[in-house]
Amino acid sequence: MDCSTYQSATIAHDLNEPVPDEYKNAFSCVFDSGTVEHIFNFPQAIKNCMEMVSIGGHFLTVTTANNFMGHGFYQFSPELYYRVLSPENGFEVESMVLCETDANAAWYRVDDPQNLGSRVELINSRPTYLMVRARKTQSALIFATTPQQSDYSAIWSNRERAAEADGNGRRLIQRVIPEIIKRQMRPFWGHKTPRAFHRL
């Protein structure tokens, strides 16, 4: 599928726009081999991909993570794909792997930041791919709830609970904000913990 047939696409469709109903739930596997980073309307493009997968089928992607500036419009984080390909949207991430483009580079399984309770960040000097395999478990209204970054969602939730408990949430903010600042200032190699990346 492409917005033009100049590279002999079987289906000519601009993924910035919703796919026709005939393609929804029509495929057991939708494979993005480096497409969505070139599409300006990413939410619609990824929604299209998800809608085209039949229940029990898979969405696969090999996409840009780090050091691809100028290749397309975007580079993507693990957090984005974990929040998009979520049970709320009818999907379950079965595997997520990160690797540099060097043929001898190690591959790493990437955990969900929500499960870790912290961000999964990477600073490196080589082009890096993110590879995801997700299964469609049910039919769902995709993006009925807008995906939110998990660490912020946790803070907002805790803040609301703390505000209910003490009337203003001030004690929680005094504890949480310095921790966020400390994490942001921490050098990368000290922050890349074995909890987040597991060598394969």
N, C-alpha and C. Protein backbone atom coordinates (compact mmCIF):
# COMPACT_ATOMS: atom_id res chain seq x y z
N MET A 1 0.85 -1.19 0.00
CA MET A 1 0.00 0.00 0.00
C MET A 1 0.89 1.23 0.00
N ASP A 2 0.57 2.17 -0.86
CA ASP A 2 1.30 3.43 -0.93
C ASP A 2 0.34 4.48 -1.49
N CYS A 3 0.69 5.75 -1.32
CA CYS A 3 -0.20 6.79 -1.83
C CYS A 3 -0.07 6.93 -3.34
N SER A 4 0.90 6.22 -3.92
CA SER A 4 1.11 6.26 -5.36
C SER A 4 1.49 4.85 -5.83
N THR A 5 1.32 4.60 -7.11
CA THR A 5 1.70 3.29 -7.65
C THR A 5 3.08 3.34 -8.31
N TYR A 6 3.84 4.41 -8.08
CA TYR A 6 5.11 4.54 -8.80
C TYR A 6 6.12 3.46 -8.42
N GLN A 7 5.95 2.84 -7.23
CA GLN A 7 6.79 1.68 -6.86
C GLN A 7 6.00 0.39 -6.91
N SER A 8 4.97 0.36 -7.74
CA SER A 8 4.15 -0.83 -8.00
C SER A 8 3.38 -1.31 -6.78
N ALA A 9 2.87 -0.37 -5.98
CA ALA A 9 2.02 -0.76 -4.86
C ALA A 9 0.77 -1.44 -5.37
N THR A 10 0.35 -2.50 -4.68
CA THR A 10 -0.88 -3.22 -5.05
C THR A 10 -2.10 -2.37 -4.76
N ILE A 11 -2.06 -1.65 -3.63
CA ILE A 11 -3.18 -0.79 -3.23
C ILE A 11 -2.67 0.65 -3.16
N ALA A 12 -3.29 1.53 -3.89
CA ALA A 12 -2.94 2.96 -3.84
C ALA A 12 -3.87 3.65 -2.86
N HIS A 13 -3.29 4.06 -1.72
CA HIS A 13 -4.08 4.76 -0.70
C HIS A 13 -3.15 5.61 0.14
N ASP A 14 -3.55 6.83 0.41
CA ASP A 14 -2.78 7.73 1.27
C ASP A 14 -3.12 7.42 2.72
N LEU A 15 -2.17 6.91 3.48
CA LEU A 15 -2.42 6.51 4.86
C LEU A 15 -2.62 7.69 5.80
N ASN A 16 -2.49 8.91 5.31
CA ASN A 16 -2.91 10.07 6.09
C ASN A 16 -4.42 10.10 6.26
N GLU A 17 -5.12 9.36 5.41
CA GLU A 17 -6.58 9.32 5.41
C GLU A 17 -7.07 7.94 5.87
N PRO A 18 -8.27 7.85 6.44
CA PRO A 18 -8.81 6.55 6.86
C PRO A 18 -8.86 5.56 5.70
N VAL A 19 -8.61 4.29 6.00
CA VAL A 19 -8.68 3.26 4.96
C VAL A 19 -10.14 2.94 4.67
N PRO A 20 -10.45 2.55 3.44
CA PRO A 20 -11.82 2.13 3.12
C PRO A 20 -12.24 0.93 3.98
N ASP A 21 -13.52 0.81 4.23
CA ASP A 21 -14.05 -0.26 5.08
C ASP A 21 -13.67 -1.65 4.56
N GLU A 22 -13.50 -1.79 3.25
CA GLU A 22 -13.20 -3.11 2.70
C GLU A 22 -11.86 -3.67 3.19
N TYR A 23 -10.97 -2.79 3.68
CA TYR A 23 -9.67 -3.25 4.16
C TYR A 23 -9.64 -3.48 5.67
N LYS A 24 -10.70 -3.10 6.36
CA LYS A 24 -10.72 -3.27 7.81
C LYS A 24 -10.96 -4.72 8.17
N ASN A 25 -10.16 -5.23 9.12
CA ASN A 25 -10.22 -6.63 9.57
C ASN A 25 -10.00 -7.61 8.41
N ALA A 26 -9.28 -7.19 7.39
CA ALA A 26 -9.15 -8.00 6.18
C ALA A 26 -7.87 -8.84 6.12
N PHE A 27 -6.89 -8.58 7.01
CA PHE A 27 -5.58 -9.21 6.87
C PHE A 27 -5.13 -9.87 8.17
N SER A 28 -4.55 -11.04 8.04
CA SER A 28 -4.03 -11.74 9.23
C SER A 28 -2.71 -11.14 9.69
N CYS A 29 -2.05 -10.39 8.81
CA CYS A 29 -0.80 -9.73 9.18
C CYS A 29 -0.66 -8.43 8.39
N VAL A 30 -0.37 -7.36 9.10
CA VAL A 30 -0.02 -6.08 8.48
C VAL A 30 1.41 -5.79 8.90
N PHE A 31 2.29 -5.59 7.92
CA PHE A 31 3.72 -5.40 8.17
C PHE A 31 4.13 -4.01 7.71
N ASP A 32 4.57 -3.21 8.67
CA ASP A 32 5.13 -1.90 8.36
C ASP A 32 6.64 -2.03 8.35
N SER A 33 7.21 -2.05 7.17
CA SER A 33 8.66 -2.22 7.05
C SER A 33 9.34 -0.87 6.83
N GLY A 34 8.88 0.14 7.55
CA GLY A 34 9.49 1.46 7.44
C GLY A 34 8.64 2.43 6.67
N THR A 35 7.35 2.47 6.99
CA THR A 35 6.42 3.34 6.29
C THR A 35 5.93 4.48 7.16
N VAL A 36 5.45 4.18 8.37
CA VAL A 36 4.70 5.19 9.13
C VAL A 36 5.54 6.40 9.53
N GLU A 37 6.87 6.28 9.59
CA GLU A 37 7.69 7.45 9.91
C GLU A 37 7.67 8.49 8.80
N HIS A 38 7.19 8.08 7.62
CA HIS A 38 7.13 8.99 6.47
C HIS A 38 5.75 9.63 6.30
N ILE A 39 4.82 9.30 7.19
CA ILE A 39 3.44 9.77 7.06
C ILE A 39 3.17 10.82 8.14
N PHE A 40 2.81 12.02 7.71
CA PHE A 40 2.65 13.12 8.64
C PHE A 40 1.61 12.83 9.71
N ASN A 41 0.47 12.31 9.30
CA ASN A 41 -0.63 12.05 10.24
C ASN A 41 -0.43 10.68 10.88
N PHE A 42 0.56 10.59 11.78
CA PHE A 42 0.89 9.29 12.37
C PHE A 42 -0.30 8.65 13.09
N PRO A 43 -1.06 9.37 13.92
CA PRO A 43 -2.19 8.68 14.59
C PRO A 43 -3.14 8.00 13.61
N GLN A 44 -3.43 8.65 12.50
CA GLN A 44 -4.32 8.02 11.52
C GLN A 44 -3.63 6.85 10.83
N ALA A 45 -2.35 7.00 10.52
CA ALA A 45 -1.62 5.94 9.83
C ALA A 45 -1.55 4.67 10.68
N ILE A 46 -1.22 4.82 11.96
CA ILE A 46 -1.11 3.63 12.81
C ILE A 46 -2.50 3.04 13.09
N LYS A 47 -3.49 3.90 13.20
CA LYS A 47 -4.87 3.42 13.36
C LYS A 47 -5.29 2.59 12.15
N ASN A 48 -4.95 3.07 10.96
CA ASN A 48 -5.24 2.32 9.74
C ASN A 48 -4.63 0.93 9.80
N CYS A 49 -3.35 0.88 10.17
CA CYS A 49 -2.66 -0.41 10.26
C CYS A 49 -3.38 -1.34 11.22
N MET A 50 -3.76 -0.81 12.37
CA MET A 50 -4.43 -1.61 13.40
C MET A 50 -5.80 -2.08 12.94
N GLU A 51 -6.53 -1.21 12.26
CA GLU A 51 -7.87 -1.57 11.81
C GLU A 51 -7.85 -2.63 10.72
N MET A 52 -6.78 -2.69 9.95
CA MET A 52 -6.72 -3.67 8.86
C MET A 52 -6.43 -5.08 9.34
N VAL A 53 -5.96 -5.22 10.59
CA VAL A 53 -5.63 -6.54 11.14
C VAL A 53 -6.91 -7.23 11.63
N SER A 54 -7.06 -8.49 11.28
CA SER A 54 -8.20 -9.27 11.78
C SER A 54 -7.92 -9.76 13.20
N ILE A 55 -8.96 -10.06 13.95
CA ILE A 55 -8.79 -10.55 15.33
C ILE A 55 -7.98 -11.84 15.30
N GLY A 56 -6.97 -11.89 16.15
CA GLY A 56 -6.05 -13.03 16.18
C GLY A 56 -4.84 -12.83 15.28
N GLY A 57 -4.90 -11.82 14.41
CA GLY A 57 -3.79 -11.52 13.52
C GLY A 57 -2.76 -10.63 14.18
N HIS A 58 -1.76 -10.26 13.40
CA HIS A 58 -0.63 -9.52 13.95
C HIS A 58 -0.32 -8.24 13.17
N PHE A 59 0.14 -7.25 13.92
CA PHE A 59 0.77 -6.07 13.35
C PHE A 59 2.25 -6.16 13.66
N LEU A 60 3.08 -6.04 12.63
CA LEU A 60 4.54 -6.08 12.77
C LEU A 60 5.11 -4.78 12.25
N THR A 61 6.13 -4.27 12.93
CA THR A 61 6.80 -3.08 12.41
C THR A 61 8.30 -3.17 12.64
N VAL A 62 9.04 -2.67 11.68
CA VAL A 62 10.47 -2.38 11.82
C VAL A 62 10.56 -0.91 11.53
N THR A 63 10.84 -0.11 12.57
CA THR A 63 10.74 1.33 12.41
C THR A 63 11.93 2.04 13.03
N THR A 64 12.00 3.33 12.82
CA THR A 64 13.15 4.12 13.25
C THR A 64 13.03 4.50 14.72
N ALA A 65 14.13 4.30 15.45
CA ALA A 65 14.19 4.71 16.85
C ALA A 65 15.16 5.89 16.97
N ASN A 66 16.46 5.62 17.02
CA ASN A 66 17.45 6.69 17.22
C ASN A 66 18.30 6.91 15.97
N ASN A 67 18.78 8.15 15.84
CA ASN A 67 19.79 8.52 14.84
C ASN A 67 19.35 8.33 13.40
N PHE A 68 18.08 8.59 13.15
CA PHE A 68 17.55 8.58 11.79
C PHE A 68 17.02 9.96 11.39
N MET A 69 17.51 11.02 12.04
CA MET A 69 17.00 12.36 11.75
C MET A 69 17.16 12.67 10.26
N GLY A 70 16.06 13.12 9.66
CA GLY A 70 16.06 13.44 8.24
C GLY A 70 15.60 12.30 7.36
N HIS A 71 15.53 11.08 7.90
CA HIS A 71 15.08 9.93 7.12
C HIS A 71 13.59 10.05 6.81
N GLY A 72 12.83 10.45 7.81
CA GLY A 72 11.39 10.63 7.65
C GLY A 72 10.94 11.77 8.53
N PHE A 73 9.64 11.82 8.82
CA PHE A 73 9.13 12.85 9.72
C PHE A 73 9.46 12.55 11.18
N TYR A 74 9.52 11.25 11.54
CA TYR A 74 9.56 10.86 12.94
C TYR A 74 10.61 9.80 13.25
N GLN A 75 10.96 9.75 14.54
CA GLN A 75 11.66 8.62 15.17
C GLN A 75 10.81 8.23 16.38
N PHE A 76 10.75 6.94 16.70
CA PHE A 76 9.76 6.46 17.66
C PHE A 76 10.37 5.85 18.91
N SER A 77 9.61 5.93 20.00
CA SER A 77 10.04 5.38 21.29
C SER A 77 9.26 4.11 21.62
N PRO A 78 9.84 3.24 22.46
CA PRO A 78 9.09 2.07 22.92
C PRO A 78 7.77 2.47 23.59
N GLU A 79 7.81 3.54 24.38
CA GLU A 79 6.61 3.99 25.09
C GLU A 79 5.44 4.20 24.14
N LEU A 80 5.70 4.82 23.00
CA LEU A 80 4.63 5.09 22.05
C LEU A 80 3.94 3.81 21.61
N TYR A 81 4.72 2.81 21.23
CA TYR A 81 4.11 1.58 20.72
C TYR A 81 3.45 0.76 21.82
N TYR A 82 3.99 0.80 23.03
CA TYR A 82 3.30 0.11 24.14
C TYR A 82 1.96 0.76 24.45
N ARG A 83 1.89 2.08 24.38
CA ARG A 83 0.63 2.76 24.70
C ARG A 83 -0.38 2.66 23.55
N VAL A 84 0.09 2.64 22.31
CA VAL A 84 -0.81 2.54 21.16
C VAL A 84 -1.33 1.11 20.99
N LEU A 85 -0.42 0.15 21.02
CA LEU A 85 -0.80 -1.26 20.81
C LEU A 85 -1.16 -1.88 22.16
N SER A 86 -2.19 -1.34 22.77
CA SER A 86 -2.56 -1.68 24.14
C SER A 86 -3.89 -2.43 24.17
N PRO A 87 -4.19 -3.08 25.30
CA PRO A 87 -5.49 -3.76 25.42
C PRO A 87 -6.67 -2.83 25.19
N GLU A 88 -6.54 -1.56 25.61
CA GLU A 88 -7.63 -0.60 25.40
C GLU A 88 -7.94 -0.42 23.92
N ASN A 89 -6.93 -0.62 23.09
CA ASN A 89 -7.10 -0.48 21.64
C ASN A 89 -7.21 -1.82 20.93
N GLY A 90 -7.38 -2.90 21.72
CA GLY A 90 -7.60 -4.22 21.14
C GLY A 90 -6.35 -4.99 20.79
N PHE A 91 -5.18 -4.57 21.30
CA PHE A 91 -3.92 -5.22 20.95
C PHE A 91 -3.11 -5.60 22.19
N GLU A 92 -2.18 -6.52 21.98
CA GLU A 92 -1.23 -6.90 23.01
C GLU A 92 0.15 -7.00 22.37
N VAL A 93 1.12 -6.28 22.92
CA VAL A 93 2.49 -6.38 22.43
C VAL A 93 3.07 -7.71 22.90
N GLU A 94 3.44 -8.55 21.94
CA GLU A 94 4.03 -9.85 22.28
C GLU A 94 5.55 -9.78 22.36
N SER A 95 6.14 -8.89 21.58
CA SER A 95 7.60 -8.77 21.58
C SER A 95 7.99 -7.39 21.09
N MET A 96 9.00 -6.81 21.75
CA MET A 96 9.58 -5.56 21.29
C MET A 96 11.09 -5.67 21.40
N VAL A 97 11.78 -5.40 20.31
CA VAL A 97 13.24 -5.58 20.25
C VAL A 97 13.86 -4.31 19.68
N LEU A 98 15.01 -3.95 20.23
CA LEU A 98 15.77 -2.79 19.78
C LEU A 98 17.15 -3.25 19.33
N CYS A 99 17.62 -2.75 18.18
CA CYS A 99 18.98 -3.09 17.75
C CYS A 99 19.53 -1.99 16.86
N GLU A 100 20.84 -1.82 16.92
CA GLU A 100 21.51 -0.91 16.00
C GLU A 100 21.61 -1.56 14.64
N THR A 101 21.87 -0.76 13.60
CA THR A 101 21.87 -1.29 12.24
C THR A 101 23.12 -2.09 11.90
N ASP A 102 24.15 -2.01 12.70
CA ASP A 102 25.37 -2.79 12.47
C ASP A 102 25.03 -4.27 12.50
N ALA A 103 25.57 -5.02 11.55
CA ALA A 103 25.24 -6.45 11.41
C ALA A 103 25.59 -7.26 12.65
N ASN A 104 26.61 -6.85 13.39
CA ASN A 104 27.05 -7.59 14.57
C ASN A 104 26.52 -7.01 15.88
N ALA A 105 25.63 -6.05 15.80
CA ALA A 105 25.11 -5.41 17.01
C ALA A 105 24.23 -6.36 17.80
N ALA A 106 24.26 -6.20 19.11
CA ALA A 106 23.40 -6.99 19.99
C ALA A 106 21.94 -6.56 19.83
N TRP A 107 21.03 -7.47 20.06
CA TRP A 107 19.60 -7.19 20.07
C TRP A 107 19.14 -7.19 21.51
N TYR A 108 18.20 -6.30 21.84
CA TYR A 108 17.70 -6.19 23.20
C TYR A 108 16.18 -6.24 23.22
N ARG A 109 15.64 -7.06 24.10
CA ARG A 109 14.20 -7.04 24.36
C ARG A 109 13.92 -5.84 25.24
N VAL A 110 12.85 -5.11 24.92
CA VAL A 110 12.53 -3.88 25.64
C VAL A 110 11.26 -4.07 26.45
N ASP A 111 11.35 -3.79 27.74
CA ASP A 111 10.19 -3.90 28.62
C ASP A 111 9.31 -2.66 28.53
N ASP A 112 8.08 -2.83 28.99
CA ASP A 112 7.09 -1.76 28.99
C ASP A 112 7.42 -0.77 30.12
N PRO A 113 7.60 0.51 29.80
CA PRO A 113 7.86 1.50 30.85
C PRO A 113 6.79 1.51 31.94
N GLN A 114 5.56 1.23 31.57
CA GLN A 114 4.48 1.20 32.56
C GLN A 114 4.73 0.12 33.60
N ASN A 115 5.20 -1.04 33.17
CA ASN A 115 5.49 -2.12 34.11
C ASN A 115 6.72 -1.83 34.95
N LEU A 116 7.68 -1.11 34.36
CA LEU A 116 8.91 -0.78 35.08
C LEU A 116 8.72 0.36 36.06
N GLY A 117 7.73 1.21 35.79
CA GLY A 117 7.54 2.38 36.62
C GLY A 117 8.56 3.47 36.35
N SER A 118 9.21 3.42 35.18
CA SER A 118 10.19 4.43 34.81
C SER A 118 10.31 4.49 33.29
N ARG A 119 10.90 5.56 32.80
CA ARG A 119 11.08 5.71 31.36
C ARG A 119 12.15 4.75 30.84
N VAL A 120 11.98 4.35 29.60
CA VAL A 120 12.98 3.55 28.90
C VAL A 120 13.61 4.47 27.87
N GLU A 121 14.82 4.91 28.15
CA GLU A 121 15.49 5.90 27.32
C GLU A 121 16.78 5.33 26.74
N LEU A 122 17.19 5.88 25.60
CA LEU A 122 18.42 5.42 24.95
C LEU A 122 19.11 6.60 24.29
N ILE A 123 20.38 6.77 24.60
CA ILE A 123 21.24 7.71 23.88
C ILE A 123 22.39 6.90 23.32
N ASN A 124 22.50 6.89 22.00
CA ASN A 124 23.59 6.15 21.36
C ASN A 124 24.02 6.90 20.11
N SER A 125 24.97 6.36 19.39
CA SER A 125 25.54 7.10 18.25
C SER A 125 25.31 6.41 16.91
N ARG A 126 24.54 5.35 16.87
CA ARG A 126 24.30 4.63 15.62
C ARG A 126 22.81 4.57 15.30
N PRO A 127 22.46 4.48 14.02
CA PRO A 127 21.05 4.28 13.67
C PRO A 127 20.52 3.03 14.35
N THR A 128 19.32 3.14 14.89
CA THR A 128 18.75 2.08 15.72
C THR A 128 17.31 1.80 15.31
N TYR A 129 17.00 0.53 15.15
CA TYR A 129 15.65 0.10 14.79
C TYR A 129 14.88 -0.37 16.02
N LEU A 130 13.58 -0.14 15.98
CA LEU A 130 12.65 -0.69 16.94
C LEU A 130 11.77 -1.67 16.18
N MET A 131 11.69 -2.90 16.68
CA MET A 131 10.88 -3.94 16.03
C MET A 131 9.81 -4.42 16.99
N VAL A 132 8.57 -4.44 16.52
CA VAL A 132 7.44 -4.76 17.39
C VAL A 132 6.56 -5.82 16.74
N ARG A 133 6.13 -6.76 17.57
CA ARG A 133 5.12 -7.74 17.15
C ARG A 133 3.95 -7.65 18.13
N ALA A 134 2.77 -7.31 17.60
CA ALA A 134 1.58 -7.18 18.45
C ALA A 134 0.43 -7.97 17.85
N ARG A 135 -0.34 -8.60 18.73
CA ARG A 135 -1.48 -9.42 18.30
C ARG A 135 -2.78 -8.67 18.58
N LYS A 136 -3.70 -8.74 17.63
CA LYS A 136 -5.02 -8.15 17.84
C LYS A 136 -5.88 -9.14 18.60
N THR A 137 -6.29 -8.74 19.79
CA THR A 137 -7.01 -9.65 20.68
C THR A 137 -8.52 -9.47 20.62
N GLN A 138 -8.96 -8.28 20.22
CA GLN A 138 -10.40 -8.01 20.19
C GLN A 138 -10.67 -6.79 19.32
N SER A 139 -11.93 -6.63 18.96
CA SER A 139 -12.34 -5.44 18.25
C SER A 139 -12.55 -4.32 19.27
N ALA A 140 -11.96 -3.18 19.00
CA ALA A 140 -12.07 -2.05 19.93
C ALA A 140 -12.12 -0.75 19.14
N LEU A 141 -12.71 0.26 19.74
CA LEU A 141 -12.71 1.58 19.13
C LEU A 141 -11.34 2.20 19.42
N ILE A 142 -10.49 2.21 18.40
CA ILE A 142 -9.10 2.63 18.57
C ILE A 142 -9.03 4.12 18.90
N PHE A 143 -8.26 4.42 19.94
CA PHE A 143 -8.04 5.78 20.43
C PHE A 143 -9.31 6.42 20.97
N ALA A 144 -10.25 5.59 21.45
CA ALA A 144 -11.41 6.15 22.16
C ALA A 144 -10.91 6.95 23.37
N THR A 145 -9.82 6.48 23.96
CA THR A 145 -9.10 7.23 24.99
C THR A 145 -7.72 7.54 24.44
N THR A 146 -7.33 8.79 24.47
CA THR A 146 -6.03 9.19 23.93
C THR A 146 -4.90 8.57 24.75
N PRO A 147 -3.94 7.90 24.10
CA PRO A 147 -2.80 7.35 24.85
C PRO A 147 -2.03 8.45 25.58
N GLN A 148 -1.59 8.13 26.80
CA GLN A 148 -0.80 9.06 27.61
C GLN A 148 0.49 8.37 28.03
N GLN A 149 1.54 9.15 28.21
CA GLN A 149 2.82 8.60 28.66
C GLN A 149 2.66 8.06 30.07
N SER A 150 3.15 6.84 30.30
CA SER A 150 2.82 6.11 31.52
C SER A 150 3.33 6.77 32.79
N ASP A 151 4.52 7.38 32.77
CA ASP A 151 5.01 7.97 34.02
C ASP A 151 4.20 9.19 34.41
N TYR A 152 3.76 9.97 33.43
CA TYR A 152 2.90 11.10 33.75
C TYR A 152 1.53 10.62 34.25
N SER A 153 0.99 9.60 33.61
CA SER A 153 -0.30 9.07 34.06
C SER A 153 -0.24 8.62 35.50
N ALA A 154 0.88 7.97 35.86
CA ALA A 154 1.05 7.51 37.24
C ALA A 154 1.13 8.69 38.20
N ILE A 155 1.85 9.74 37.81
CA ILE A 155 1.97 10.92 38.66
C ILE A 155 0.61 11.59 38.83
N TRP A 156 -0.11 11.74 37.71
CA TRP A 156 -1.42 12.38 37.80
C TRP A 156 -2.35 11.58 38.70
N SER A 157 -2.32 10.26 38.54
CA SER A 157 -3.17 9.40 39.35
C SER A 157 -2.80 9.50 40.83
N ASN A 158 -1.50 9.44 41.11
CA ASN A 158 -1.05 9.54 42.50
C ASN A 158 -1.37 10.91 43.08
N ARG A 159 -1.21 11.93 42.27
CA ARG A 159 -1.50 13.29 42.73
C ARG A 159 -2.96 13.43 43.08
N GLU A 160 -3.83 12.87 42.24
CA GLU A 160 -5.27 12.95 42.52
C GLU A 160 -5.61 12.21 43.81
N ARG A 161 -4.98 11.03 43.99
CA ARG A 161 -5.23 10.28 45.22
C ARG A 161 -4.70 11.02 46.44
N ALA A 162 -3.51 11.63 46.30
CA ALA A 162 -2.93 12.38 47.40
C ALA A 162 -3.76 13.61 47.72
N ALA A 163 -4.27 14.26 46.67
CA ALA A 163 -5.10 15.44 46.88
C ALA A 163 -6.36 15.09 47.65
N GLU A 164 -6.91 13.93 47.34
CA GLU A 164 -8.09 13.48 48.08
C GLU A 164 -7.74 13.22 49.54
N ALA A 165 -6.53 12.69 49.77
CA ALA A 165 -6.14 12.32 51.13
C ALA A 165 -5.78 13.53 51.97
N ASP A 166 -5.05 14.50 51.43
CA ASP A 166 -4.59 15.62 52.26
C ASP A 166 -5.12 16.98 51.83
N GLY A 167 -5.98 16.98 50.83
CA GLY A 167 -6.62 18.23 50.46
C GLY A 167 -5.91 19.04 49.38
N ASN A 168 -4.61 18.81 49.15
CA ASN A 168 -3.93 19.60 48.12
C ASN A 168 -2.81 18.86 47.40
N GLY A 169 -2.41 17.71 47.85
CA GLY A 169 -1.39 16.92 47.15
C GLY A 169 0.01 17.48 47.27
N ARG A 170 0.22 18.47 48.15
CA ARG A 170 1.51 19.15 48.22
C ARG A 170 2.65 18.20 48.60
N ARG A 171 2.39 17.29 49.52
CA ARG A 171 3.47 16.40 49.96
C ARG A 171 3.94 15.49 48.83
N LEU A 172 2.99 15.01 48.01
CA LEU A 172 3.38 14.15 46.89
C LEU A 172 4.21 14.92 45.87
N ILE A 173 3.80 16.15 45.55
CA ILE A 173 4.54 16.95 44.58
C ILE A 173 5.96 17.19 45.08
N GLN A 174 6.11 17.49 46.37
CA GLN A 174 7.44 17.72 46.92
C GLN A 174 8.33 16.49 46.81
N ARG A 175 7.71 15.31 46.80
CA ARG A 175 8.48 14.07 46.69
C ARG A 175 8.73 13.68 45.25
N VAL A 176 7.74 13.88 44.36
CA VAL A 176 7.82 13.39 42.99
C VAL A 176 8.63 14.30 42.08
N ILE A 177 8.43 15.61 42.14
CA ILE A 177 9.09 16.52 41.21
C ILE A 177 10.61 16.43 41.30
N PRO A 178 11.22 16.44 42.50
CA PRO A 178 12.69 16.28 42.53
C PRO A 178 13.17 14.97 41.91
N GLU A 179 12.38 13.90 42.04
CA GLU A 179 12.77 12.61 41.45
C GLU A 179 12.74 12.70 39.93
N ILE A 180 11.75 13.38 39.36
CA ILE A 180 11.68 13.55 37.91
C ILE A 180 12.89 14.34 37.42
N ILE A 181 13.21 15.43 38.11
CA ILE A 181 14.36 16.25 37.72
C ILE A 181 15.64 15.43 37.80
N LYS A 182 15.78 14.66 38.87
CA LYS A 182 16.99 13.85 39.04
C LYS A 182 17.13 12.84 37.90
N ARG A 183 16.01 12.22 37.49
CA ARG A 183 16.05 11.25 36.39
C ARG A 183 16.43 11.91 35.09
N GLN A 184 15.90 13.12 34.85
CA GLN A 184 16.20 13.82 33.60
C GLN A 184 17.67 14.21 33.51
N MET A 185 18.30 14.50 34.64
CA MET A 185 19.67 14.97 34.65
C MET A 185 20.69 13.84 34.72
N ARG A 186 20.23 12.63 35.00
CA ARG A 186 21.13 11.50 35.16
C ARG A 186 21.77 11.12 33.84
N PRO A 187 23.10 10.89 33.80
CA PRO A 187 23.73 10.46 32.55
C PRO A 187 23.09 9.16 32.05
N PHE A 188 23.03 9.04 30.72
CA PHE A 188 22.31 7.91 30.14
C PHE A 188 22.80 6.56 30.61
N TRP A 189 24.10 6.32 30.59
CA TRP A 189 24.58 4.97 30.88
C TRP A 189 24.30 4.55 32.31
N GLY A 190 24.10 5.53 33.18
CA GLY A 190 23.67 5.18 34.53
C GLY A 190 22.18 4.92 34.59
N HIS A 191 21.45 5.45 33.59
CA HIS A 191 19.99 5.31 33.60
C HIS A 191 19.53 4.06 32.85
N LYS A 192 20.34 3.58 31.92
CA LYS A 192 19.95 2.40 31.13
C LYS A 192 20.15 1.17 32.00
N THR A 193 19.10 0.80 32.72
CA THR A 193 19.22 -0.26 33.69
C THR A 193 18.92 -1.61 33.07
N PRO A 194 19.46 -2.69 33.64
CA PRO A 194 19.14 -4.04 33.13
C PRO A 194 17.67 -4.35 33.18
N ARG A 195 16.91 -3.62 34.00
CA ARG A 195 15.47 -3.88 34.07
C ARG A 195 14.78 -3.55 32.76
N ALA A 196 15.32 -2.60 31.99
CA ALA A 196 14.63 -2.14 30.79
C ALA A 196 15.05 -2.90 29.54
N PHE A 197 16.35 -3.19 29.41
CA PHE A 197 16.88 -3.83 28.22
C PHE A 197 17.46 -5.19 28.58
N HIS A 198 17.04 -6.22 27.85
CA HIS A 198 17.52 -7.57 28.11
C HIS A 198 18.16 -8.10 26.84
N ARG A 199 19.46 -8.34 26.90
CA ARG A 199 20.17 -8.78 25.70
C ARG A 199 19.65 -10.13 25.23
N LEU A 200 19.46 -10.26 23.93
CA LEU A 200 18.92 -11.50 23.34
C LEU A 200 20.03 -12.30 22.69
